């Protein structure tokens, strides 16, 4: 599966249910809410922007970000997940790059923030590889890392 064929598509009537059926690995379940919860949240918090992640025309993941700045004066990515069958193929990294590009263009975001549990090594490695910096910010059980966007 090539990462060149990865795209993100705003959640819609055709892809929302596929997103609800996606699952992370058993080890990751304690770190992330089910996609159905995130989708429901986006219907009540209208600044949240949910997207399906496609690879070769198939829904393989889900992501969601906030379209208004929050803590740390940044735009937060709330969810980034790839189904357990498709992990380890670079899809999450490709989709995160697409999301950051979308946020930089549509929101003029200069600072993107992601929070995750410190024991979630998959998330840690992904964000470190994309240039997110840990400035020591902590929110409850989560650490927050920042990507500075330079145009």
C-alpha atoms as a PDB file:
ATOM      1  CA  UNK A   1       0.000   0.000   0.000  1.00  0.00           C
ATOM      2  CA  UNK A   2       1.600   3.231  -1.156  1.00  0.00           C
ATOM      3  CA  UNK A   3       1.471   6.405   0.912  1.00  0.00           C
ATOM      4  CA  UNK A   4       1.204   8.397  -2.346  1.00  0.00           C
ATOM      5  CA  UNK A   5      -2.416   7.243  -2.481  1.00  0.00           C
ATOM      6  CA  UNK A   6      -3.275   8.576   0.983  1.00  0.00           C
ATOM      7  CA  UNK A   7      -5.815  11.391   1.145  1.00  0.00           C
ATOM      8  CA  UNK A   8      -8.042  12.983   3.758  1.00  0.00           C
ATOM      9  CA  UNK A   9     -11.695  13.660   3.019  1.00  0.00           C
ATOM     10  CA  UNK A  10     -14.106  15.605   5.222  1.00  0.00           C
ATOM     11  CA  UNK A  11     -16.481  13.288   7.021  1.00  0.00           C
ATOM     12  CA  UNK A  12     -19.673  12.806   5.025  1.00  0.00           C
ATOM     13  CA  UNK A  13     -22.708  10.547   4.553  1.00  0.00           C
ATOM     14  CA  UNK A  14     -20.626   8.059   2.555  1.00  0.00           C
ATOM     15  CA  UNK A  15     -17.675   7.594   4.940  1.00  0.00           C
ATOM     16  CA  UNK A  16     -18.780   8.236   8.538  1.00  0.00           C
ATOM     17  CA  UNK A  17     -19.927   4.673   9.229  1.00  0.00           C
ATOM     18  CA  UNK A  18     -16.713   3.198   7.825  1.00  0.00           C
ATOM     19  CA  UNK A  19     -14.836   5.421  10.287  1.00  0.00           C
ATOM     20  CA  UNK A  20     -16.956   4.060  13.150  1.00  0.00           C
ATOM     21  CA  UNK A  21     -15.922   0.514  12.282  1.00  0.00           C
ATOM     22  CA  UNK A  22     -12.173   1.210  12.443  1.00  0.00           C
ATOM     23  CA  UNK A  23     -10.210  -0.011  15.459  1.00  0.00           C
ATOM     24  CA  UNK A  24      -6.764   0.550  16.896  1.00  0.00           C
ATOM     25  CA  UNK A  25      -4.739  -2.303  18.348  1.00  0.00           C
ATOM     26  CA  UNK A  26      -5.658  -3.648  21.783  1.00  0.00           C
ATOM     27  CA  UNK A  27      -2.589  -1.938  23.317  1.00  0.00           C
ATOM     28  CA  UNK A  28      -3.666   1.449  21.928  1.00  0.00           C
ATOM     29  CA  UNK A  29      -7.325   1.324  23.020  1.00  0.00           C
ATOM     30  CA  UNK A  30      -6.647   2.930  26.400  1.00  0.00           C
ATOM     31  CA  UNK A  31      -5.106   5.967  24.672  1.00  0.00           C
ATOM     32  CA  UNK A  32      -7.841   6.994  22.251  1.00  0.00           C
ATOM     33  CA  UNK A  33     -11.628   7.356  22.211  1.00  0.00           C
ATOM     34  CA  UNK A  34     -13.617   5.293  19.691  1.00  0.00           C
ATOM     35  CA  UNK A  35     -14.222   7.194  16.458  1.00  0.00           C
ATOM     36  CA  UNK A  36     -17.997   7.178  17.045  1.00  0.00           C
ATOM     37  CA  UNK A  37     -17.438   9.280  20.190  1.00  0.00           C
ATOM     38  CA  UNK A  38     -15.292  11.759  18.243  1.00  0.00           C
ATOM     39  CA  UNK A  39     -17.849  11.966  15.440  1.00  0.00           C
ATOM     40  CA  UNK A  40     -20.638  12.621  17.946  1.00  0.00           C
ATOM     41  CA  UNK A  41     -18.473  15.281  19.643  1.00  0.00           C
ATOM     42  CA  UNK A  42     -18.004  17.041  16.285  1.00  0.00           C
ATOM     43  CA  UNK A  43     -21.783  17.388  15.935  1.00  0.00           C
ATOM     44  CA  UNK A  44     -21.978  19.369  19.193  1.00  0.00           C
ATOM     45  CA  UNK A  45     -18.660  21.238  19.038  1.00  0.00           C
ATOM     46  CA  UNK A  46     -19.004  22.700  15.579  1.00  0.00           C
ATOM     47  CA  UNK A  47     -15.441  24.023  15.384  1.00  0.00           C
ATOM     48  CA  UNK A  48     -14.171  20.418  15.260  1.00  0.00           C
ATOM     49  CA  UNK A  49     -13.358  19.189  11.757  1.00  0.00           C
ATOM     50  CA  UNK A  50     -13.544  15.377  11.298  1.00  0.00           C
ATOM     51  CA  UNK A  51     -11.922  13.635   8.325  1.00  0.00           C
ATOM     52  CA  UNK A  52     -11.729  10.101   6.991  1.00  0.00           C
ATOM     53  CA  UNK A  53      -8.259   8.902   5.990  1.00  0.00           C
ATOM     54  CA  UNK A  54      -8.238   7.008   2.714  1.00  0.00           C
ATOM     55  CA  UNK A  55      -5.526   4.782   1.279  1.00  0.00           C
ATOM     56  CA  UNK A  56      -6.098   3.510  -2.242  1.00  0.00           C
ATOM     57  CA  UNK A  57      -9.771   4.555  -2.132  1.00  0.00           C
ATOM     58  CA  UNK A  58     -10.476   2.665   1.120  1.00  0.00           C
ATOM     59  CA  UNK A  59     -11.252   4.245   4.520  1.00  0.00           C
ATOM     60  CA  UNK A  60      -8.367   3.226   6.792  1.00  0.00           C
ATOM     61  CA  UNK A  61      -8.283   5.940   9.451  1.00  0.00           C
ATOM     62  CA  UNK A  62      -9.820   8.975  11.067  1.00  0.00           C
ATOM     63  CA  UNK A  63      -8.600  12.363  12.208  1.00  0.00           C
ATOM     64  CA  UNK A  64     -10.132  15.462  13.693  1.00  0.00           C
ATOM     65  CA  UNK A  65      -8.827  18.921  14.524  1.00  0.00           C
ATOM     66  CA  UNK A  66     -10.198  22.114  16.005  1.00  0.00           C
ATOM     67  CA  UNK A  67     -10.579  25.091  13.686  1.00  0.00           C
ATOM     68  CA  UNK A  68     -10.113  27.662  16.475  1.00  0.00           C
ATOM     69  CA  UNK A  69      -7.005  28.194  18.631  1.00  0.00           C
ATOM     70  CA  UNK A  70      -7.044  26.778  22.162  1.00  0.00           C
ATOM     71  CA  UNK A  71      -4.480  26.189  24.914  1.00  0.00           C
ATOM     72  CA  UNK A  72      -0.883  27.125  24.123  1.00  0.00           C
ATOM     73  CA  UNK A  73      -2.315  29.521  21.525  1.00  0.00           C
ATOM     74  CA  UNK A  74      -2.372  26.735  18.967  1.00  0.00           C
ATOM     75  CA  UNK A  75      -4.736  24.720  16.806  1.00  0.00           C
ATOM     76  CA  UNK A  76      -5.205  21.263  18.301  1.00  0.00           C
ATOM     77  CA  UNK A  77      -5.365  17.967  16.463  1.00  0.00           C
ATOM     78  CA  UNK A  78      -7.838  15.969  18.546  1.00  0.00           C
ATOM     79  CA  UNK A  79      -7.632  12.555  16.897  1.00  0.00           C
ATOM     80  CA  UNK A  80      -5.346  10.800  14.489  1.00  0.00           C
ATOM     81  CA  UNK A  81      -5.819   7.063  14.152  1.00  0.00           C
ATOM     82  CA  UNK A  82      -5.200   4.334  11.598  1.00  0.00           C
ATOM     83  CA  UNK A  83      -6.981   0.986  11.737  1.00  0.00           C
ATOM     84  CA  UNK A  84      -4.865  -1.790  13.252  1.00  0.00           C
ATOM     85  CA  UNK A  85      -4.765  -3.648   9.891  1.00  0.00           C
ATOM     86  CA  UNK A  86      -3.083  -0.690   8.186  1.00  0.00           C
ATOM     87  CA  UNK A  87      -0.642   0.517  10.846  1.00  0.00           C
ATOM     88  CA  UNK A  88       3.099   0.561  10.246  1.00  0.00           C
ATOM     89  CA  UNK A  89       2.787   1.511   6.569  1.00  0.00           C
ATOM     90  CA  UNK A  90       3.354   5.270   6.844  1.00  0.00           C
ATOM     91  CA  UNK A  91      -0.340   6.097   6.395  1.00  0.00           C
ATOM     92  CA  UNK A  92      -0.644   7.946   9.710  1.00  0.00           C
ATOM     93  CA  UNK A  93       2.406  10.053   8.922  1.00  0.00           C
ATOM     94  CA  UNK A  94       1.168  10.857   5.395  1.00  0.00           C
ATOM     95  CA  UNK A  95      -2.302  11.765   6.704  1.00  0.00           C
ATOM     96  CA  UNK A  96      -0.844  13.934   9.478  1.00  0.00           C
ATOM     97  CA  UNK A  97       1.224  15.841   6.900  1.00  0.00           C
ATOM     98  CA  UNK A  98      -1.929  16.381   4.814  1.00  0.00           C
ATOM     99  CA  UNK A  99      -3.813  17.556   7.913  1.00  0.00           C
ATOM    100  CA  UNK A 100      -1.038  20.003   8.847  1.00  0.00           C
ATOM    101  CA  UNK A 101      -1.010  21.372   5.303  1.00  0.00           C
ATOM    102  CA  UNK A 102      -4.814  21.764   5.365  1.00  0.00           C
ATOM    103  CA  UNK A 103      -4.618  23.566   8.729  1.00  0.00           C
ATOM    104  CA  UNK A 104      -1.841  25.868   7.520  1.00  0.00           C
ATOM    105  CA  UNK A 105      -3.797  26.795   4.389  1.00  0.00           C
ATOM    106  CA  UNK A 106      -7.404  26.961   5.625  1.00  0.00           C
ATOM    107  CA  UNK A 107      -6.719  28.320   9.135  1.00  0.00           C
ATOM    108  CA  UNK A 108      -3.394  30.059   8.557  1.00  0.00           C
ATOM    109  CA  UNK A 109      -2.216  27.983  11.533  1.00  0.00           C
ATOM    110  CA  UNK A 110       1.276  28.812  12.770  1.00  0.00           C
ATOM    111  CA  UNK A 111       1.199  26.391  15.681  1.00  0.00           C
ATOM    112  CA  UNK A 112      -0.343  22.903  15.722  1.00  0.00           C
ATOM    113  CA  UNK A 113      -0.629  21.074  19.042  1.00  0.00           C
ATOM    114  CA  UNK A 114      -1.224  17.383  19.691  1.00  0.00           C
ATOM    115  CA  UNK A 115      -1.840  15.827  23.080  1.00  0.00           C
ATOM    116  CA  UNK A 116      -1.179  12.174  23.840  1.00  0.00           C
ATOM    117  CA  UNK A 117      -0.437   9.844  26.731  1.00  0.00           C
ATOM    118  CA  UNK A 118       3.332   9.688  27.469  1.00  0.00           C
ATOM    119  CA  UNK A 119       3.270   5.870  27.277  1.00  0.00           C
ATOM    120  CA  UNK A 120       1.888   5.933  23.719  1.00  0.00           C
ATOM    121  CA  UNK A 121       5.185   5.289  21.959  1.00  0.00           C
ATOM    122  CA  UNK A 122       3.582   5.043  18.509  1.00  0.00           C
ATOM    123  CA  UNK A 123       2.219   8.572  18.844  1.00  0.00           C
ATOM    124  CA  UNK A 124       5.505   9.805  20.319  1.00  0.00           C
ATOM    125  CA  UNK A 125       7.549   8.430  17.413  1.00  0.00           C
ATOM    126  CA  UNK A 126       5.109   9.754  14.809  1.00  0.00           C
ATOM    127  CA  UNK A 127       5.052  13.309  16.122  1.00  0.00           C
ATOM    128  CA  UNK A 128       8.799  13.435  16.788  1.00  0.00           C
ATOM    129  CA  UNK A 129       9.438  12.309  13.192  1.00  0.00           C
ATOM    130  CA  UNK A 130       7.263  15.207  11.946  1.00  0.00           C
ATOM    131  CA  UNK A 131       9.144  17.848  13.936  1.00  0.00           C
ATOM    132  CA  UNK A 132       6.763  18.293  16.873  1.00  0.00           C
ATOM    133  CA  UNK A 133       8.616  19.662  19.908  1.00  0.00           C
ATOM    134  CA  UNK A 134       8.023  18.769  23.554  1.00  0.00           C
ATOM    135  CA  UNK A 135       8.299  21.970  25.587  1.00  0.00           C
ATOM    136  CA  UNK A 136       7.200  20.185  28.762  1.00  0.00           C
ATOM    137  CA  UNK A 137       3.514  21.141  28.492  1.00  0.00           C
ATOM    138  CA  UNK A 138       1.201  18.740  30.341  1.00  0.00           C
ATOM    139  CA  UNK A 139      -2.589  18.604  30.543  1.00  0.00           C
ATOM    140  CA  UNK A 140      -3.838  16.028  33.024  1.00  0.00           C
ATOM    141  CA  UNK A 141      -2.517  12.635  31.922  1.00  0.00           C
ATOM    142  CA  UNK A 142      -1.460  13.923  28.509  1.00  0.00           C
ATOM    143  CA  UNK A 143       1.632  15.611  27.207  1.00  0.00           C
ATOM    144  CA  UNK A 144       1.287  18.241  24.490  1.00  0.00           C
ATOM    145  CA  UNK A 145       3.764  18.630  21.647  1.00  0.00           C
ATOM    146  CA  UNK A 146       3.923  21.537  19.216  1.00  0.00           C
ATOM    147  CA  UNK A 147       4.679  21.870  15.522  1.00  0.00           C
ATOM    148  CA  UNK A 148       5.591  25.400  14.460  1.00  0.00           C
ATOM    149  CA  UNK A 149       4.536  26.152  10.880  1.00  0.00           C
ATOM    150  CA  UNK A 150       6.890  28.450   9.006  1.00  0.00           C
ATOM    151  CA  UNK A 151       5.634  29.745   5.677  1.00  0.00           C
END
